[in-house]
Amino acid sequence: MRTQRQVVDYSLQKRAVLRDVHSGRIGTLEVCDASPYLKSAARFHGEPTDERCPVCRRDNLTLVHYIYGDELKHSAGQARKLAELCSRTCCGRLVSREAFSSLSNAYTSRKTSWSLP
């Protein structure tokens, strides 16, 4: 079970950056800087959400799940679909639920390249 200290909330940072973008103090090219790996992961492993991109307000955001754990070996840090995480297999082999020591989520807009951890 996760405690409150184990969860990082980026909502204040997100609001401050978006306020600066919409007021014109920061350009969209400065904040729309998703890595090529995240954009590729969103295309192949991402799941569409109902949340709109806060920069363009047209495109829906895509949620990407990253898995971490010592038992995963070379598969740690890779993007996975939620269906793969719910099953007991990862990379073609049977894995216990305890193998996933942590799960990280990232939201990205596939059109504007805006991202938030």
C-alpha atoms as a PDB file:
ATOM      1  CA  MET A   1       0.000   0.000   0.000  1.00  0.00           C
ATOM      2  CA  ARG A   2       1.344   3.413  -0.951  1.00  0.00           C
ATOM      3  CA  THR A   3       1.561   6.211   1.541  1.00  0.00           C
ATOM      4  CA  GLN A   4       0.998   9.857   0.704  1.00  0.00           C
ATOM      5  CA  ARG A   5       4.758  10.502   0.722  1.00  0.00           C
ATOM      6  CA  GLN A   6       5.340   7.917  -2.028  1.00  0.00           C
ATOM      7  CA  VAL A   7       3.130   9.755  -4.541  1.00  0.00           C
ATOM      8  CA  VAL A   8       4.419  12.817  -6.377  1.00  0.00           C
ATOM      9  CA  ASP A   9       1.770  15.301  -7.471  1.00  0.00           C
ATOM     10  CA  TYR A  10       2.736  17.623 -10.310  1.00  0.00           C
ATOM     11  CA  SER A  11      -0.571  19.520 -10.462  1.00  0.00           C
ATOM     12  CA  LEU A  12       0.815  22.814  -9.064  1.00  0.00           C
ATOM     13  CA  GLN A  13       3.719  22.769 -11.512  1.00  0.00           C
ATOM     14  CA  LYS A  14       1.351  21.902 -14.359  1.00  0.00           C
ATOM     15  CA  ARG A  15      -1.005  24.785 -13.545  1.00  0.00           C
ATOM     16  CA  ALA A  16       1.846  27.302 -13.296  1.00  0.00           C
ATOM     17  CA  VAL A  17       3.325  26.286 -16.657  1.00  0.00           C
ATOM     18  CA  LEU A  18      -0.059  26.310 -18.395  1.00  0.00           C
ATOM     19  CA  ARG A  19      -0.853  29.726 -16.927  1.00  0.00           C
ATOM     20  CA  ASP A  20       2.414  31.029 -18.387  1.00  0.00           C
ATOM     21  CA  VAL A  21       1.687  29.438 -21.784  1.00  0.00           C
ATOM     22  CA  HIS A  22      -1.818  30.883 -22.032  1.00  0.00           C
ATOM     23  CA  SER A  23      -0.626  34.328 -20.927  1.00  0.00           C
ATOM     24  CA  GLY A  24       2.101  34.283 -23.592  1.00  0.00           C
ATOM     25  CA  ARG A  25       5.097  34.354 -21.226  1.00  0.00           C
ATOM     26  CA  ILE A  26       6.242  30.919 -22.424  1.00  0.00           C
ATOM     27  CA  GLY A  27       5.969  29.641 -25.985  1.00  0.00           C
ATOM     28  CA  THR A  28       4.354  26.314 -26.783  1.00  0.00           C
ATOM     29  CA  LEU A  29       7.610  25.002 -28.247  1.00  0.00           C
ATOM     30  CA  GLU A  30       9.208  25.329 -24.804  1.00  0.00           C
ATOM     31  CA  VAL A  31       6.628  23.109 -23.100  1.00  0.00           C
ATOM     32  CA  CYS A  32       5.742  20.743 -25.952  1.00  0.00           C
ATOM     33  CA  ASP A  33       8.945  18.751 -25.658  1.00  0.00           C
ATOM     34  CA  ALA A  34       8.006  15.102 -25.192  1.00  0.00           C
ATOM     35  CA  SER A  35      10.895  12.759 -25.893  1.00  0.00           C
ATOM     36  CA  PRO A  36      10.815  10.645 -29.059  1.00  0.00           C
ATOM     37  CA  TYR A  37      10.705   7.529 -26.847  1.00  0.00           C
ATOM     38  CA  LEU A  38       7.589   8.789 -25.027  1.00  0.00           C
ATOM     39  CA  LYS A  39       5.885   9.674 -28.318  1.00  0.00           C
ATOM     40  CA  SER A  40       6.663   6.223 -29.703  1.00  0.00           C
ATOM     41  CA  ALA A  41       5.469   4.541 -26.501  1.00  0.00           C
ATOM     42  CA  ALA A  42       2.242   6.541 -26.677  1.00  0.00           C
ATOM     43  CA  ARG A  43       1.659   5.429 -30.244  1.00  0.00           C
ATOM     44  CA  PHE A  44       2.203   1.707 -29.598  1.00  0.00           C
ATOM     45  CA  HIS A  45       1.410   1.200 -25.889  1.00  0.00           C
ATOM     46  CA  GLY A  46      -0.599   4.256 -24.883  1.00  0.00           C
ATOM     47  CA  GLU A  47      -4.224   4.352 -23.919  1.00  0.00           C
ATOM     48  CA  PRO A  48      -6.435   7.250 -24.972  1.00  0.00           C
ATOM     49  CA  THR A  49      -8.040   9.272 -22.187  1.00  0.00           C
ATOM     50  CA  ASP A  50     -11.013  11.637 -22.061  1.00  0.00           C
ATOM     51  CA  GLU A  51      -8.798  14.476 -20.832  1.00  0.00           C
ATOM     52  CA  ARG A  52      -8.066  17.175 -23.408  1.00  0.00           C
ATOM     53  CA  CYS A  53      -4.575  18.489 -24.122  1.00  0.00           C
ATOM     54  CA  PRO A  54      -4.280  21.631 -21.994  1.00  0.00           C
ATOM     55  CA  VAL A  55      -2.140  23.358 -24.634  1.00  0.00           C
ATOM     56  CA  CYS A  56      -4.138  22.907 -27.852  1.00  0.00           C
ATOM     57  CA  ARG A  57      -7.463  21.976 -26.170  1.00  0.00           C
ATOM     58  CA  ARG A  58      -8.374  19.800 -29.192  1.00  0.00           C
ATOM     59  CA  ASP A  59      -6.490  16.512 -28.907  1.00  0.00           C
ATOM     60  CA  ASN A  60      -7.103  13.992 -26.136  1.00  0.00           C
ATOM     61  CA  LEU A  61      -4.152  12.982 -23.963  1.00  0.00           C
ATOM     62  CA  THR A  62      -2.653   9.503 -24.088  1.00  0.00           C
ATOM     63  CA  LEU A  63      -1.671   7.637 -20.909  1.00  0.00           C
ATOM     64  CA  VAL A  64       1.521   5.554 -20.961  1.00  0.00           C
ATOM     65  CA  HIS A  65       2.394   3.079 -18.165  1.00  0.00           C
ATOM     66  CA  TYR A  66       6.039   2.277 -17.360  1.00  0.00           C
ATOM     67  CA  ILE A  67       6.967  -0.746 -15.215  1.00  0.00           C
ATOM     68  CA  TYR A  68       9.951  -1.121 -12.896  1.00  0.00           C
ATOM     69  CA  GLY A  69      11.257  -4.009 -10.799  1.00  0.00           C
ATOM     70  CA  ASP A  70      14.388  -6.058 -10.205  1.00  0.00           C
ATOM     71  CA  GLU A  71      12.712  -9.317 -11.234  1.00  0.00           C
ATOM     72  CA  LEU A  72      11.875  -7.847 -14.658  1.00  0.00           C
ATOM     73  CA  LYS A  73      15.569  -7.550 -15.607  1.00  0.00           C
ATOM     74  CA  HIS A  74      15.851  -6.052 -19.123  1.00  0.00           C
ATOM     75  CA  SER A  75      12.108  -5.348 -19.276  1.00  0.00           C
ATOM     76  CA  ALA A  76      12.241  -2.804 -16.435  1.00  0.00           C
ATOM     77  CA  GLY A  77      11.507   0.732 -17.552  1.00  0.00           C
ATOM     78  CA  GLN A  78       9.546  -0.330 -20.615  1.00  0.00           C
ATOM     79  CA  ALA A  79       6.124   0.944 -21.571  1.00  0.00           C
ATOM     80  CA  ARG A  80       3.256  -1.529 -21.303  1.00  0.00           C
ATOM     81  CA  LYS A  81      -0.472  -1.521 -21.941  1.00  0.00           C
ATOM     82  CA  LEU A  82      -2.721  -1.837 -18.916  1.00  0.00           C
ATOM     83  CA  ALA A  83      -3.989  -5.206 -20.177  1.00  0.00           C
ATOM     84  CA  GLU A  84      -0.411  -6.525 -20.088  1.00  0.00           C
ATOM     85  CA  LEU A  85       0.040  -5.268 -16.539  1.00  0.00           C
ATOM     86  CA  CYS A  86      -3.168  -6.947 -15.394  1.00  0.00           C
ATOM     87  CA  SER A  87      -2.160 -10.295 -16.875  1.00  0.00           C
ATOM     88  CA  ARG A  88       0.492 -12.410 -15.182  1.00  0.00           C
ATOM     89  CA  THR A  89       2.847 -12.438 -18.150  1.00  0.00           C
ATOM     90  CA  CYS A  90       5.431  -9.890 -19.156  1.00  0.00           C
ATOM     91  CA  CYS A  91       7.642 -10.260 -22.227  1.00  0.00           C
ATOM     92  CA  GLY A  92       6.380 -13.772 -22.832  1.00  0.00           C
ATOM     93  CA  ARG A  93       7.154 -15.185 -19.366  1.00  0.00           C
ATOM     94  CA  LEU A  94       5.154 -15.716 -16.199  1.00  0.00           C
ATOM     95  CA  VAL A  95       5.817 -13.008 -13.614  1.00  0.00           C
ATOM     96  CA  SER A  96       4.486 -12.627 -10.099  1.00  0.00           C
ATOM     97  CA  ARG A  97       2.591  -9.477  -9.118  1.00  0.00           C
ATOM     98  CA  GLU A  98       5.417  -8.590  -6.718  1.00  0.00           C
ATOM     99  CA  ALA A  99       7.794  -8.288  -9.691  1.00  0.00           C
ATOM    100  CA  PHE A 100       6.375  -4.852 -10.451  1.00  0.00           C
ATOM    101  CA  SER A 101       7.988  -2.854  -7.667  1.00  0.00           C
ATOM    102  CA  SER A 102       6.721   0.413  -9.112  1.00  0.00           C
ATOM    103  CA  LEU A 103       4.566   1.747 -11.879  1.00  0.00           C
ATOM    104  CA  SER A 104       5.002   5.167 -13.423  1.00  0.00           C
ATOM    105  CA  ASN A 105       2.475   6.972 -15.596  1.00  0.00           C
ATOM    106  CA  ALA A 106       3.048   9.702 -18.152  1.00  0.00           C
ATOM    107  CA  TYR A 107       0.484  11.723 -20.071  1.00  0.00           C
ATOM    108  CA  THR A 108       1.277  13.063 -23.509  1.00  0.00           C
ATOM    109  CA  SER A 109      -0.462  14.713 -26.415  1.00  0.00           C
ATOM    110  CA  ARG A 110       0.414  12.910 -29.627  1.00  0.00           C
ATOM    111  CA  LYS A 111      -0.186  16.033 -31.728  1.00  0.00           C
ATOM    112  CA  THR A 112       1.432  18.814 -29.701  1.00  0.00           C
ATOM    113  CA  SER A 113       4.076  16.687 -27.895  1.00  0.00           C
ATOM    114  CA  TRP A 114       3.048  18.156 -24.536  1.00  0.00           C
ATOM    115  CA  SER A 115       3.835  15.771 -21.672  1.00  0.00           C
ATOM    116  CA  LEU A 116       3.565  15.532 -17.922  1.00  0.00           C
ATOM    117  CA  PRO A 117       4.944  12.794 -15.669  1.00  0.00           C
END
